[in-house]
C-alpha atoms as a PDB file:
ATOM      1  CA  MET A   1      75.455  -6.276  -8.108  1.00  0.00           C
ATOM      2  CA  GLU A   2      76.703  -5.695 -11.658  1.00  0.00           C
ATOM      3  CA  GLY A   3      73.470  -6.328 -13.500  1.00  0.00           C
ATOM      4  CA  ILE A   4      72.193  -9.306 -11.520  1.00  0.00           C
ATOM      5  CA  GLU A   5      68.383  -9.218 -11.665  1.00  0.00           C
ATOM      6  CA  HIS A   6      66.051 -10.394  -8.916  1.00  0.00           C
ATOM      7  CA  ARG A   7      62.477 -11.628  -8.920  1.00  0.00           C
ATOM      8  CA  ARG A   8      60.133 -13.945  -7.023  1.00  0.00           C
ATOM      9  CA  VAL A   9      58.420 -16.816  -8.791  1.00  0.00           C
ATOM     10  CA  LYS A  10      55.334 -18.596  -7.426  1.00  0.00           C
ATOM     11  CA  VAL A  11      55.924 -22.340  -7.852  1.00  0.00           C
ATOM     12  CA  ASN A  12      55.040 -25.502  -5.946  1.00  0.00           C
ATOM     13  CA  GLY A  13      52.934 -23.523  -3.493  1.00  0.00           C
ATOM     14  CA  ILE A  14      55.658 -21.088  -2.382  1.00  0.00           C
ATOM     15  CA  ASN A  15      57.353 -17.923  -3.618  1.00  0.00           C
ATOM     16  CA  ILE A  16      60.966 -18.526  -4.617  1.00  0.00           C
ATOM     17  CA  HIS A  17      63.453 -15.674  -4.880  1.00  0.00           C
ATOM     18  CA  VAL A  18      65.737 -15.949  -7.898  1.00  0.00           C
ATOM     19  CA  ALA A  19      68.882 -14.055  -8.862  1.00  0.00           C
ATOM     20  CA  GLU A  20      69.873 -14.281 -12.518  1.00  0.00           C
ATOM     21  CA  LYS A  21      72.074 -12.819 -15.208  1.00  0.00           C
ATOM     22  CA  GLY A  22      72.982 -13.582 -18.800  1.00  0.00           C
ATOM     23  CA  GLN A  23      71.528 -15.168 -21.907  1.00  0.00           C
ATOM     24  CA  GLY A  24      72.063 -18.652 -23.285  1.00  0.00           C
ATOM     25  CA  PRO A  25      71.961 -22.193 -21.901  1.00  0.00           C
ATOM     26  CA  LEU A  26      70.700 -22.133 -18.335  1.00  0.00           C
ATOM     27  CA  ILE A  27      72.853 -23.063 -15.334  1.00  0.00           C
ATOM     28  CA  LEU A  28      70.944 -23.642 -12.100  1.00  0.00           C
ATOM     29  CA  PHE A  29      73.073 -22.948  -8.998  1.00  0.00           C
ATOM     30  CA  LEU A  30      72.049 -24.477  -5.642  1.00  0.00           C
ATOM     31  CA  HIS A  31      73.516 -23.136  -2.398  1.00  0.00           C
ATOM     32  CA  GLY A  32      74.183 -24.873   0.917  1.00  0.00           C
ATOM     33  CA  PHE A  33      74.015 -24.055   4.637  1.00  0.00           C
ATOM     34  CA  PRO A  34      74.189 -21.385   5.983  1.00  0.00           C
ATOM     35  CA  GLU A  35      74.125 -19.638   2.630  1.00  0.00           C
ATOM     36  CA  LEU A  36      72.014 -17.888   0.011  1.00  0.00           C
ATOM     37  CA  TRP A  37      72.012 -17.268  -3.739  1.00  0.00           C
ATOM     38  CA  TYR A  38      74.775 -14.774  -2.868  1.00  0.00           C
ATOM     39  CA  SER A  39      77.316 -17.579  -2.456  1.00  0.00           C
ATOM     40  CA  TRP A  40      77.273 -17.893  -6.257  1.00  0.00           C
ATOM     41  CA  ARG A  41      77.819 -14.173  -6.945  1.00  0.00           C
ATOM     42  CA  HIS A  42      81.227 -14.756  -8.555  1.00  0.00           C
ATOM     43  CA  GLN A  43      80.071 -17.677 -10.706  1.00  0.00           C
ATOM     44  CA  ILE A  44      76.941 -15.822 -11.828  1.00  0.00           C
ATOM     45  CA  LEU A  45      79.041 -12.980 -13.219  1.00  0.00           C
ATOM     46  CA  ALA A  46      81.693 -15.262 -14.695  1.00  0.00           C
ATOM     47  CA  LEU A  47      79.385 -17.711 -16.455  1.00  0.00           C
ATOM     48  CA  ALA A  48      77.041 -14.966 -17.676  1.00  0.00           C
ATOM     49  CA  SER A  49      80.039 -13.317 -19.340  1.00  0.00           C
ATOM     50  CA  LEU A  50      80.790 -16.616 -21.103  1.00  0.00           C
ATOM     51  CA  GLY A  51      77.387 -16.898 -22.750  1.00  0.00           C
ATOM     52  CA  TYR A  52      75.256 -18.666 -20.153  1.00  0.00           C
ATOM     53  CA  ARG A  53      72.145 -17.736 -18.239  1.00  0.00           C
ATOM     54  CA  ALA A  54      73.037 -18.144 -14.571  1.00  0.00           C
ATOM     55  CA  VAL A  55      70.060 -18.685 -12.239  1.00  0.00           C
ATOM     56  CA  ALA A  56      70.532 -18.963  -8.469  1.00  0.00           C
ATOM     57  CA  PRO A  57      67.509 -19.289  -6.168  1.00  0.00           C
ATOM     58  CA  ASP A  58      67.305 -18.943  -2.426  1.00  0.00           C
ATOM     59  CA  LEU A  59      66.174 -22.468  -1.538  1.00  0.00           C
ATOM     60  CA  ARG A  60      62.977 -22.918   0.470  1.00  0.00           C
ATOM     61  CA  GLY A  61      63.462 -21.608   3.998  1.00  0.00           C
ATOM     62  CA  TYR A  62      66.264 -19.226   3.021  1.00  0.00           C
ATOM     63  CA  GLY A  63      66.552 -15.518   2.271  1.00  0.00           C
ATOM     64  CA  GLU A  64      63.645 -14.018   0.368  1.00  0.00           C
ATOM     65  CA  THR A  65      62.089 -17.397  -0.470  1.00  0.00           C
ATOM     66  CA  ASP A  66      59.112 -18.526   1.604  1.00  0.00           C
ATOM     67  CA  ALA A  67      59.783 -20.672   4.669  1.00  0.00           C
ATOM     68  CA  PRO A  68      56.946 -23.108   5.457  1.00  0.00           C
ATOM     69  CA  ASP A  69      56.433 -23.672   9.185  1.00  0.00           C
ATOM     70  CA  SER A  70      56.244 -27.472   9.130  1.00  0.00           C
ATOM     71  CA  ILE A  71      59.516 -29.394   9.479  1.00  0.00           C
ATOM     72  CA  ASP A  72      58.050 -32.044   7.174  1.00  0.00           C
ATOM     73  CA  SER A  73      57.928 -29.450   4.383  1.00  0.00           C
ATOM     74  CA  TYR A  74      61.711 -29.648   3.919  1.00  0.00           C
ATOM     75  CA  SER A  75      62.016 -33.214   2.637  1.00  0.00           C
ATOM     76  CA  CYS A  76      63.966 -34.088  -0.505  1.00  0.00           C
ATOM     77  CA  PHE A  77      60.676 -34.385  -2.402  1.00  0.00           C
ATOM     78  CA  HIS A  78      59.556 -30.878  -1.437  1.00  0.00           C
ATOM     79  CA  VAL A  79      62.835 -29.215  -2.403  1.00  0.00           C
ATOM     80  CA  VAL A  80      63.262 -31.126  -5.672  1.00  0.00           C
ATOM     81  CA  GLY A  81      59.612 -30.346  -6.412  1.00  0.00           C
ATOM     82  CA  ASP A  82      60.456 -26.663  -6.027  1.00  0.00           C
ATOM     83  CA  LEU A  83      63.285 -26.951  -8.527  1.00  0.00           C
ATOM     84  CA  VAL A  84      61.338 -28.845 -11.169  1.00  0.00           C
ATOM     85  CA  ALA A  85      58.521 -26.311 -10.944  1.00  0.00           C
ATOM     86  CA  LEU A  86      61.043 -23.468 -11.050  1.00  0.00           C
ATOM     87  CA  LEU A  87      62.591 -24.858 -14.227  1.00  0.00           C
ATOM     88  CA  ASP A  88      59.123 -25.139 -15.762  1.00  0.00           C
ATOM     89  CA  ALA A  89      58.606 -21.457 -14.975  1.00  0.00           C
ATOM     90  CA  VAL A  90      61.958 -19.965 -15.987  1.00  0.00           C
ATOM     91  CA  ALA A  91      63.213 -22.397 -18.640  1.00  0.00           C
ATOM     92  CA  ALA A  92      60.132 -23.956 -20.179  1.00  0.00           C
ATOM     93  CA  HIS A  93      61.782 -23.993 -23.616  1.00  0.00           C
ATOM     94  CA  GLN A  94      64.854 -25.919 -22.398  1.00  0.00           C
ATOM     95  CA  GLU A  95      64.356 -29.639 -21.941  1.00  0.00           C
ATOM     96  CA  LYS A  96      67.558 -29.956 -19.914  1.00  0.00           C
ATOM     97  CA  VAL A  97      69.700 -27.491 -17.975  1.00  0.00           C
ATOM     98  CA  PHE A  98      73.138 -27.481 -16.413  1.00  0.00           C
ATOM     99  CA  LEU A  99      73.242 -27.949 -12.641  1.00  0.00           C
ATOM    100  CA  VAL A 100      75.793 -26.835 -10.045  1.00  0.00           C
ATOM    101  CA  GLY A 101      75.434 -27.468  -6.309  1.00  0.00           C
ATOM    102  CA  HIS A 102      77.450 -26.998  -3.131  1.00  0.00           C
ATOM    103  CA  ASP A 103      76.963 -28.621   0.291  1.00  0.00           C
ATOM    104  CA  TRP A 104      73.189 -29.147   0.776  1.00  0.00           C
ATOM    105  CA  GLY A 105      72.753 -27.764  -2.729  1.00  0.00           C
ATOM    106  CA  ALA A 106      74.955 -30.607  -3.976  1.00  0.00           C
ATOM    107  CA  LEU A 107      72.867 -33.181  -2.101  1.00  0.00           C
ATOM    108  CA  ILE A 108      69.660 -31.726  -3.533  1.00  0.00           C
ATOM    109  CA  GLY A 109      71.369 -31.715  -6.922  1.00  0.00           C
ATOM    110  CA  TRP A 110      72.087 -35.443  -6.653  1.00  0.00           C
ATOM    111  CA  PHE A 111      68.435 -35.995  -5.753  1.00  0.00           C
ATOM    112  CA  LEU A 112      67.315 -33.995  -8.795  1.00  0.00           C
ATOM    113  CA  CYS A 113      69.590 -36.116 -10.998  1.00  0.00           C
ATOM    114  CA  LEU A 114      68.224 -39.285  -9.379  1.00  0.00           C
ATOM    115  CA  PHE A 115      64.535 -38.355  -9.639  1.00  0.00           C
ATOM    116  CA  ARG A 116      64.522 -36.359 -12.883  1.00  0.00           C
ATOM    117  CA  PRO A 117      67.587 -37.077 -15.036  1.00  0.00           C
ATOM    118  CA  ASP A 118      65.497 -35.920 -17.980  1.00  0.00           C
ATOM    119  CA  ARG A 119      65.881 -32.323 -16.700  1.00  0.00           C
ATOM    120  CA  VAL A 120      69.685 -32.230 -16.192  1.00  0.00           C
ATOM    121  CA  LYS A 121      72.237 -32.016 -18.988  1.00  0.00           C
ATOM    122  CA  ALA A 122      75.308 -32.231 -16.727  1.00  0.00           C
ATOM    123  CA  PHE A 123      76.025 -31.728 -13.017  1.00  0.00           C
ATOM    124  CA  VAL A 124      78.964 -30.165 -11.165  1.00  0.00           C
ATOM    125  CA  SER A 125      78.933 -31.093  -7.471  1.00  0.00           C
ATOM    126  CA  LEU A 126      81.092 -29.210  -4.992  1.00  0.00           C
ATOM    127  CA  SER A 127      82.103 -30.663  -1.611  1.00  0.00           C
ATOM    128  CA  LEU A 128      79.530 -33.459  -1.409  1.00  0.00           C
ATOM    129  CA  PRO A 129      79.776 -36.658  -3.461  1.00  0.00           C
ATOM    130  CA  TYR A 130      76.750 -38.828  -4.085  1.00  0.00           C
ATOM    131  CA  LEU A 131      75.737 -40.506  -0.826  1.00  0.00           C
ATOM    132  CA  ARG A 132      74.581 -44.104  -0.783  1.00  0.00           C
ATOM    133  CA  PHE A 133      71.533 -44.596   1.416  1.00  0.00           C
ATOM    134  CA  ASP A 134      69.926 -47.490   3.236  1.00  0.00           C
ATOM    135  CA  PRO A 135      66.318 -47.018   4.383  1.00  0.00           C
ATOM    136  CA  ALA A 136      66.921 -49.633   7.080  1.00  0.00           C
ATOM    137  CA  LYS A 137      69.459 -47.348   8.755  1.00  0.00           C
ATOM    138  CA  LYS A 138      68.840 -43.927  10.255  1.00  0.00           C
ATOM    139  CA  PRO A 139      71.740 -41.642   9.266  1.00  0.00           C
ATOM    140  CA  VAL A 140      71.426 -39.325  12.268  1.00  0.00           C
ATOM    141  CA  GLU A 141      71.719 -42.253  14.673  1.00  0.00           C
ATOM    142  CA  ALA A 142      74.701 -43.572  12.702  1.00  0.00           C
ATOM    143  CA  TRP A 143      76.485 -40.212  13.026  1.00  0.00           C
ATOM    144  CA  ARG A 144      75.568 -40.060  16.717  1.00  0.00           C
ATOM    145  CA  ALA A 145      77.089 -43.489  17.328  1.00  0.00           C
ATOM    146  CA  PHE A 146      80.253 -42.520  15.467  1.00  0.00           C
ATOM    147  CA  TYR A 147      80.796 -38.908  16.583  1.00  0.00           C
ATOM    148  CA  GLY A 148      78.714 -38.525  19.749  1.00  0.00           C
ATOM    149  CA  ASP A 149      75.833 -36.274  20.782  1.00  0.00           C
ATOM    150  CA  ASP A 150      77.825 -33.061  20.200  1.00  0.00           C
ATOM    151  CA  TYR A 151      78.198 -33.672  16.465  1.00  0.00           C
ATOM    152  CA  TYR A 152      76.538 -30.745  14.718  1.00  0.00           C
ATOM    153  CA  ILE A 153      73.983 -32.830  12.779  1.00  0.00           C
ATOM    154  CA  CYS A 154      72.861 -34.439  16.037  1.00  0.00           C
ATOM    155  CA  ARG A 155      72.678 -31.079  17.789  1.00  0.00           C
ATOM    156  CA  PHE A 156      70.491 -29.705  14.971  1.00  0.00           C
ATOM    157  CA  GLN A 157      67.708 -32.247  15.502  1.00  0.00           C
ATOM    158  CA  GLU A 158      65.738 -30.824  18.455  1.00  0.00           C
ATOM    159  CA  PRO A 159      63.405 -28.057  17.186  1.00  0.00           C
ATOM    160  CA  GLY A 160      64.324 -24.649  18.554  1.00  0.00           C
ATOM    161  CA  GLU A 161      67.333 -25.752  20.591  1.00  0.00           C
ATOM    162  CA  ILE A 162      70.186 -24.865  18.247  1.00  0.00           C
ATOM    163  CA  GLU A 163      68.350 -21.737  17.081  1.00  0.00           C
ATOM    164  CA  THR A 164      68.418 -20.454  20.667  1.00  0.00           C
ATOM    165  CA  GLU A 165      72.148 -21.044  20.885  1.00  0.00           C
ATOM    166  CA  PHE A 166      72.714 -19.372  17.516  1.00  0.00           C
ATOM    167  CA  ALA A 167      70.838 -16.306  18.789  1.00  0.00           C
ATOM    168  CA  GLN A 168      73.125 -16.119  21.817  1.00  0.00           C
ATOM    169  CA  ILE A 169      76.180 -16.039  19.555  1.00  0.00           C
ATOM    170  CA  GLY A 170      74.746 -13.380  17.238  1.00  0.00           C
ATOM    171  CA  THR A 171      74.091 -13.586  13.503  1.00  0.00           C
ATOM    172  CA  GLU A 172      77.190 -11.838  12.162  1.00  0.00           C
ATOM    173  CA  GLU A 173      79.523 -13.599  14.571  1.00  0.00           C
ATOM    174  CA  LEU A 174      77.964 -16.975  13.803  1.00  0.00           C
ATOM    175  CA  LEU A 175      78.315 -16.503  10.049  1.00  0.00           C
ATOM    176  CA  LYS A 176      81.928 -15.402  10.413  1.00  0.00           C
ATOM    177  CA  GLU A 177      82.653 -18.550  12.427  1.00  0.00           C
ATOM    178  CA  PHE A 178      80.971 -20.827   9.891  1.00  0.00           C
ATOM    179  CA  PHE A 179      82.616 -19.324   6.823  1.00  0.00           C
ATOM    180  CA  THR A 180      86.128 -19.202   8.307  1.00  0.00           C
ATOM    181  CA  TYR A 181      86.081 -22.727   9.786  1.00  0.00           C
ATOM    182  CA  ARG A 182      88.905 -24.642   8.097  1.00  0.00           C
ATOM    183  CA  LEU A 183      89.621 -27.630  10.337  1.00  0.00           C
ATOM    184  CA  PRO A 184      89.068 -30.976   8.597  1.00  0.00           C
ATOM    185  CA  ASP A 185      87.984 -32.476  11.930  1.00  0.00           C
ATOM    186  CA  PRO A 186      84.363 -33.446  12.736  1.00  0.00           C
ATOM    187  CA  PHE A 187      82.321 -30.326  13.424  1.00  0.00           C
ATOM    188  CA  ARG A 188      80.948 -30.311  16.973  1.00  0.00           C
ATOM    189  CA  PHE A 189      78.633 -27.984  18.910  1.00  0.00           C
ATOM    190  CA  PRO A 190      79.081 -28.903  22.602  1.00  0.00           C
ATOM    191  CA  LYS A 191      76.298 -27.619  24.829  1.00  0.00           C
ATOM    192  CA  GLY A 192      77.266 -24.736  27.074  1.00  0.00           C
ATOM    193  CA  THR A 193      80.551 -23.956  25.316  1.00  0.00           C
ATOM    194  CA  MET A 194      81.585 -21.702  22.463  1.00  0.00           C
ATOM    195  CA  PRO A 195      81.459 -23.714  19.221  1.00  0.00           C
ATOM    196  CA  PHE A 196      84.175 -23.633  16.571  1.00  0.00           C
ATOM    197  CA  GLY A 197      86.882 -23.685  19.275  1.00  0.00           C
ATOM    198  CA  HIS A 198      86.995 -19.886  19.156  1.00  0.00           C
ATOM    199  CA  GLN A 199      86.839 -17.583  22.164  1.00  0.00           C
ATOM    200  CA  PRO A 200      84.402 -14.640  21.974  1.00  0.00           C
ATOM    201  CA  GLU A 201      87.018 -12.130  23.132  1.00  0.00           C
ATOM    202  CA  SER A 202      89.132 -12.920  20.060  1.00  0.00           C
ATOM    203  CA  PRO A 203      87.663 -11.320  16.929  1.00  0.00           C
ATOM    204  CA  VAL A 204      87.367 -13.471  13.831  1.00  0.00           C
ATOM    205  CA  VAL A 205      89.784 -12.437  11.102  1.00  0.00           C
ATOM    206  CA  LEU A 206      88.115 -12.662   7.706  1.00  0.00           C
ATOM    207  CA  PRO A 207      90.080 -14.186   4.810  1.00  0.00           C
ATOM    208  CA  PRO A 208      90.723 -12.148   1.637  1.00  0.00           C
ATOM    209  CA  TRP A 209      87.848 -13.873  -0.197  1.00  0.00           C
ATOM    210  CA  LEU A 210      85.230 -12.770   2.348  1.00  0.00           C
ATOM    211  CA  SER A 211      84.540  -9.123   3.230  1.00  0.00           C
ATOM    212  CA  GLU A 212      82.625  -7.427   6.016  1.00  0.00           C
ATOM    213  CA  GLU A 213      80.187  -6.328   3.309  1.00  0.00           C
ATOM    214  CA  ASP A 214      79.604  -9.969   2.364  1.00  0.00           C
ATOM    215  CA  ILE A 215      78.935 -10.899   5.982  1.00  0.00           C
ATOM    216  CA  LYS A 216      76.531  -8.011   6.413  1.00  0.00           C
ATOM    217  CA  TYR A 217      74.559  -9.098   3.351  1.00  0.00           C
ATOM    218  CA  TYR A 218      74.170 -12.647   4.669  1.00  0.00           C
ATOM    219  CA  ALA A 219      73.361 -11.354   8.155  1.00  0.00           C
ATOM    220  CA  SER A 220      70.715  -8.948   6.866  1.00  0.00           C
ATOM    221  CA  LYS A 221      68.771 -11.909   5.465  1.00  0.00           C
ATOM    222  CA  PHE A 222      69.277 -14.359   8.330  1.00  0.00           C
ATOM    223  CA  GLU A 223      68.335 -11.733  10.891  1.00  0.00           C
ATOM    224  CA  LYS A 224      64.936 -11.554   9.201  1.00  0.00           C
ATOM    225  CA  THR A 225      64.377 -15.276   8.686  1.00  0.00           C
ATOM    226  CA  GLY A 226      66.447 -16.927  11.388  1.00  0.00           C
ATOM    227  CA  PHE A 227      68.158 -20.263  10.719  1.00  0.00           C
ATOM    228  CA  THR A 228      65.217 -22.624  11.242  1.00  0.00           C
ATOM    229  CA  GLY A 229      64.500 -23.109   7.530  1.00  0.00           C
ATOM    230  CA  GLY A 230      68.050 -24.223   6.817  1.00  0.00           C
ATOM    231  CA  VAL A 231      68.290 -26.403   9.925  1.00  0.00           C
ATOM    232  CA  ASN A 232      65.022 -28.121   8.968  1.00  0.00           C
ATOM    233  CA  TYR A 233      66.851 -29.790   6.067  1.00  0.00           C
ATOM    234  CA  TYR A 234      68.967 -31.635   8.657  1.00  0.00           C
ATOM    235  CA  ARG A 235      65.816 -32.572  10.570  1.00  0.00           C
ATOM    236  CA  ASN A 236      64.625 -34.472   7.497  1.00  0.00           C
ATOM    237  CA  LEU A 237      67.725 -36.624   7.045  1.00  0.00           C
ATOM    238  CA  ASN A 238      66.188 -39.728   8.615  1.00  0.00           C
ATOM    239  CA  ARG A 239      62.913 -39.169   6.795  1.00  0.00           C
ATOM    240  CA  ASN A 240      64.681 -38.690   3.458  1.00  0.00           C
ATOM    241  CA  SER A 241      66.413 -42.021   3.918  1.00  0.00           C
ATOM    242  CA  GLU A 242      63.013 -43.709   4.276  1.00  0.00           C
ATOM    243  CA  LEU A 243      61.492 -41.824   1.342  1.00  0.00           C
ATOM    244  CA  LEU A 244      64.351 -42.887  -0.926  1.00  0.00           C
ATOM    245  CA  ALA A 245      63.561 -46.597  -0.559  1.00  0.00           C
ATOM    246  CA  PRO A 246      62.275 -46.949  -4.171  1.00  0.00           C
ATOM    247  CA  TRP A 247      65.657 -45.815  -5.497  1.00  0.00           C
ATOM    248  CA  VAL A 248      67.905 -48.175  -3.523  1.00  0.00           C
ATOM    249  CA  GLY A 249      70.630 -49.417  -5.848  1.00  0.00           C
ATOM    250  CA  SER A 250      69.811 -46.907  -8.586  1.00  0.00           C
ATOM    251  CA  GLU A 251      72.583 -45.229 -10.518  1.00  0.00           C
ATOM    252  CA  ILE A 252      72.893 -41.537 -11.352  1.00  0.00           C
ATOM    253  CA  LYS A 253      72.543 -41.371 -15.138  1.00  0.00           C
ATOM    254  CA  VAL A 254      73.765 -37.789 -15.614  1.00  0.00           C
ATOM    255  CA  PRO A 255      77.286 -36.703 -16.688  1.00  0.00           C
ATOM    256  CA  ALA A 256      78.976 -35.370 -13.566  1.00  0.00           C
ATOM    257  CA  LYS A 257      82.072 -33.662 -12.250  1.00  0.00           C
ATOM    258  CA  PHE A 258      83.062 -33.497  -8.583  1.00  0.00           C
ATOM    259  CA  VAL A 259      85.279 -30.873  -6.953  1.00  0.00           C
ATOM    260  CA  VAL A 260      86.348 -30.820  -3.305  1.00  0.00           C
ATOM    261  CA  GLY A 261      88.991 -29.002  -1.274  1.00  0.00           C
ATOM    262  CA  ASP A 262      91.632 -31.124   0.414  1.00  0.00           C
ATOM    263  CA  GLN A 263      90.867 -29.290   3.679  1.00  0.00           C
ATOM    264  CA  ASP A 264      87.088 -29.734   3.431  1.00  0.00           C
ATOM    265  CA  LEU A 265      85.727 -31.508   6.515  1.00  0.00           C
ATOM    266  CA  VAL A 266      83.431 -33.549   4.251  1.00  0.00           C
ATOM    267  CA  TYR A 267      86.445 -34.978   2.414  1.00  0.00           C
ATOM    268  CA  HIS A 268      87.877 -36.150   5.736  1.00  0.00           C
ATOM    269  CA  MET A 269      84.772 -37.965   7.000  1.00  0.00           C
ATOM    270  CA  PRO A 270      85.562 -41.655   7.597  1.00  0.00           C
ATOM    271  CA  GLY A 271      85.317 -43.672   4.401  1.00  0.00           C
ATOM    272  CA  THR A 272      84.758 -40.662   2.134  1.00  0.00           C
ATOM    273  CA  LYS A 273      88.154 -40.641   0.422  1.00  0.00           C
ATOM    274  CA  ASP A 274      87.969 -44.371  -0.284  1.00  0.00           C
ATOM    275  CA  TYR A 275      84.447 -44.019  -1.664  1.00  0.00           C
ATOM    276  CA  ILE A 276      85.438 -41.104  -3.921  1.00  0.00           C
ATOM    277  CA  HIS A 277      88.611 -42.622  -5.334  1.00  0.00           C
ATOM    278  CA  GLN A 278      87.814 -46.344  -5.592  1.00  0.00           C
ATOM    279  CA  GLU A 279      86.164 -47.732  -8.716  1.00  0.00           C
ATOM    280  CA  SER A 280      83.716 -49.716  -6.564  1.00  0.00           C
ATOM    281  CA  GLY A 281      82.454 -46.544  -4.915  1.00  0.00           C
ATOM    282  CA  PHE A 282      81.582 -43.178  -6.453  1.00  0.00           C
ATOM    283  CA  LYS A 283      82.180 -44.278 -10.053  1.00  0.00           C
ATOM    284  CA  LYS A 284      79.960 -47.318  -9.577  1.00  0.00           C
ATOM    285  CA  ASP A 285      77.044 -45.196  -8.325  1.00  0.00           C
ATOM    286  CA  VAL A 286      77.653 -42.462 -10.921  1.00  0.00           C
ATOM    287  CA  PRO A 287      78.825 -44.288 -14.078  1.00  0.00           C
ATOM    288  CA  LEU A 288      78.977 -41.011 -16.040  1.00  0.00           C
ATOM    289  CA  LEU A 289      81.291 -39.383 -13.481  1.00  0.00           C
ATOM    290  CA  GLU A 290      83.940 -37.852 -15.732  1.00  0.00           C
ATOM    291  CA  GLU A 291      86.178 -35.914 -13.366  1.00  0.00           C
ATOM    292  CA  VAL A 292      87.140 -35.823  -9.687  1.00  0.00           C
ATOM    293  CA  VAL A 293      89.175 -32.788  -8.664  1.00  0.00           C
ATOM    294  CA  VAL A 294      90.771 -32.368  -5.231  1.00  0.00           C
ATOM    295  CA  MET A 295      91.861 -28.742  -4.897  1.00  0.00           C
ATOM    296  CA  GLU A 296      94.960 -28.173  -2.811  1.00  0.00           C
ATOM    297  CA  GLY A 297      94.429 -25.721   0.044  1.00  0.00           C
ATOM    298  CA  GLY A 298      90.673 -25.517  -0.442  1.00  0.00           C
ATOM    299  CA  ALA A 299      88.263 -25.807   2.490  1.00  0.00           C
ATOM    300  CA  HIS A 300      84.480 -26.210   2.584  1.00  0.00           C
ATOM    301  CA  PHE A 301      83.218 -22.955   1.026  1.00  0.00           C
ATOM    302  CA  ILE A 302      85.317 -23.498  -2.051  1.00  0.00           C
ATOM    303  CA  ASN A 303      83.039 -21.687  -4.524  1.00  0.00           C
ATOM    304  CA  GLN A 304      83.736 -18.465  -2.636  1.00  0.00           C
ATOM    305  CA  GLU A 305      87.280 -19.172  -1.465  1.00  0.00           C
ATOM    306  CA  LYS A 306      88.561 -20.150  -4.916  1.00  0.00           C
ATOM    307  CA  ALA A 307      85.917 -18.429  -7.010  1.00  0.00           C
ATOM    308  CA  GLU A 308      87.802 -18.002 -10.281  1.00  0.00           C
ATOM    309  CA  GLU A 309      89.109 -21.567 -10.288  1.00  0.00           C
ATOM    310  CA  ILE A 310      85.655 -22.972  -9.577  1.00  0.00           C
ATOM    311  CA  SER A 311      84.119 -20.881 -12.354  1.00  0.00           C
ATOM    312  CA  ASN A 312      86.744 -22.280 -14.731  1.00  0.00           C
ATOM    313  CA  HIS A 313      86.077 -25.839 -13.585  1.00  0.00           C
ATOM    314  CA  ILE A 314      82.369 -25.370 -14.249  1.00  0.00           C
ATOM    315  CA  PHE A 315      82.864 -23.790 -17.667  1.00  0.00           C
ATOM    316  CA  ASN A 316      85.475 -26.293 -18.863  1.00  0.00           C
ATOM    317  CA  PHE A 317      83.115 -29.151 -18.022  1.00  0.00           C
ATOM    318  CA  ILE A 318      79.762 -27.918 -19.234  1.00  0.00           C
ATOM    319  CA  LYS A 319      81.044 -26.462 -22.526  1.00  0.00           C
ATOM    320  CA  LYS A 320      81.517 -30.053 -23.734  1.00  0.00           C
ATOM    321  CA  PHE A 321      77.738 -30.528 -23.695  1.00  0.00           C
ATOM    322  CA  ASN A 322      76.653 -27.402 -25.579  1.00  0.00           C
END
């Protein structure tokens, strides 16, 4: 795709696939679920054209990056360890880099800023604000109590169960359903019924920002790897909360910008809007939070849906730190 180069780098005990383009200050792009480096295709081209080196890995368990078998190998420490080692390998001469993350990539980005602020010049988080954590509480059980057993995070916990249901739906169909889901309601996967509220006899109509070619690229990778690697991140949520105990009450000491769509289901989770917009919430945990942008009409996969606007938001923020 238009000069994007690909390679695999051996770091932290695994081989990580990296897509990159451009010369200049490095921007590390972190994707979410169920995605790949490919979700940043528009931003890679845009930011490379503006004088940056855009680097987007497939995170561990995804695409052409290795997928360790053990569920325990997908903790926040493992994934952040991958990124620090990757930066040592591809940007050894740069003390700090720019960071952009979406969905799980945003959460991992917040962890990188928390653990290693010395490696991040500025961070743009899409969809997911910083999440306060309490090691005394198990987040999965909290979501179960609030939303019920059918809530997708709860359904993802049993090894192999959701993967079997995904296989019954089919890879392309599943990806179409995920990417076109726009309801701000809690996302549920009831057992024995078609998820997403969509009937199989009604074909999914793709939006203008997502082509059949895009779906086929994603599907070609997930058909080889399956979804277990990505789902294993969810299976470490409780464990991550315990591992983060030493950082309880810590602040994020990295300049940050947050962008979310007003139709994103994350934005509509109970308490999220208050946390984002009240001074005692997001701004307290991230004192260097400079901007919060709520994009009208944007849903969850905003970096693809509103690609040009997101590229501009990234550029207009990070150029202040050059």
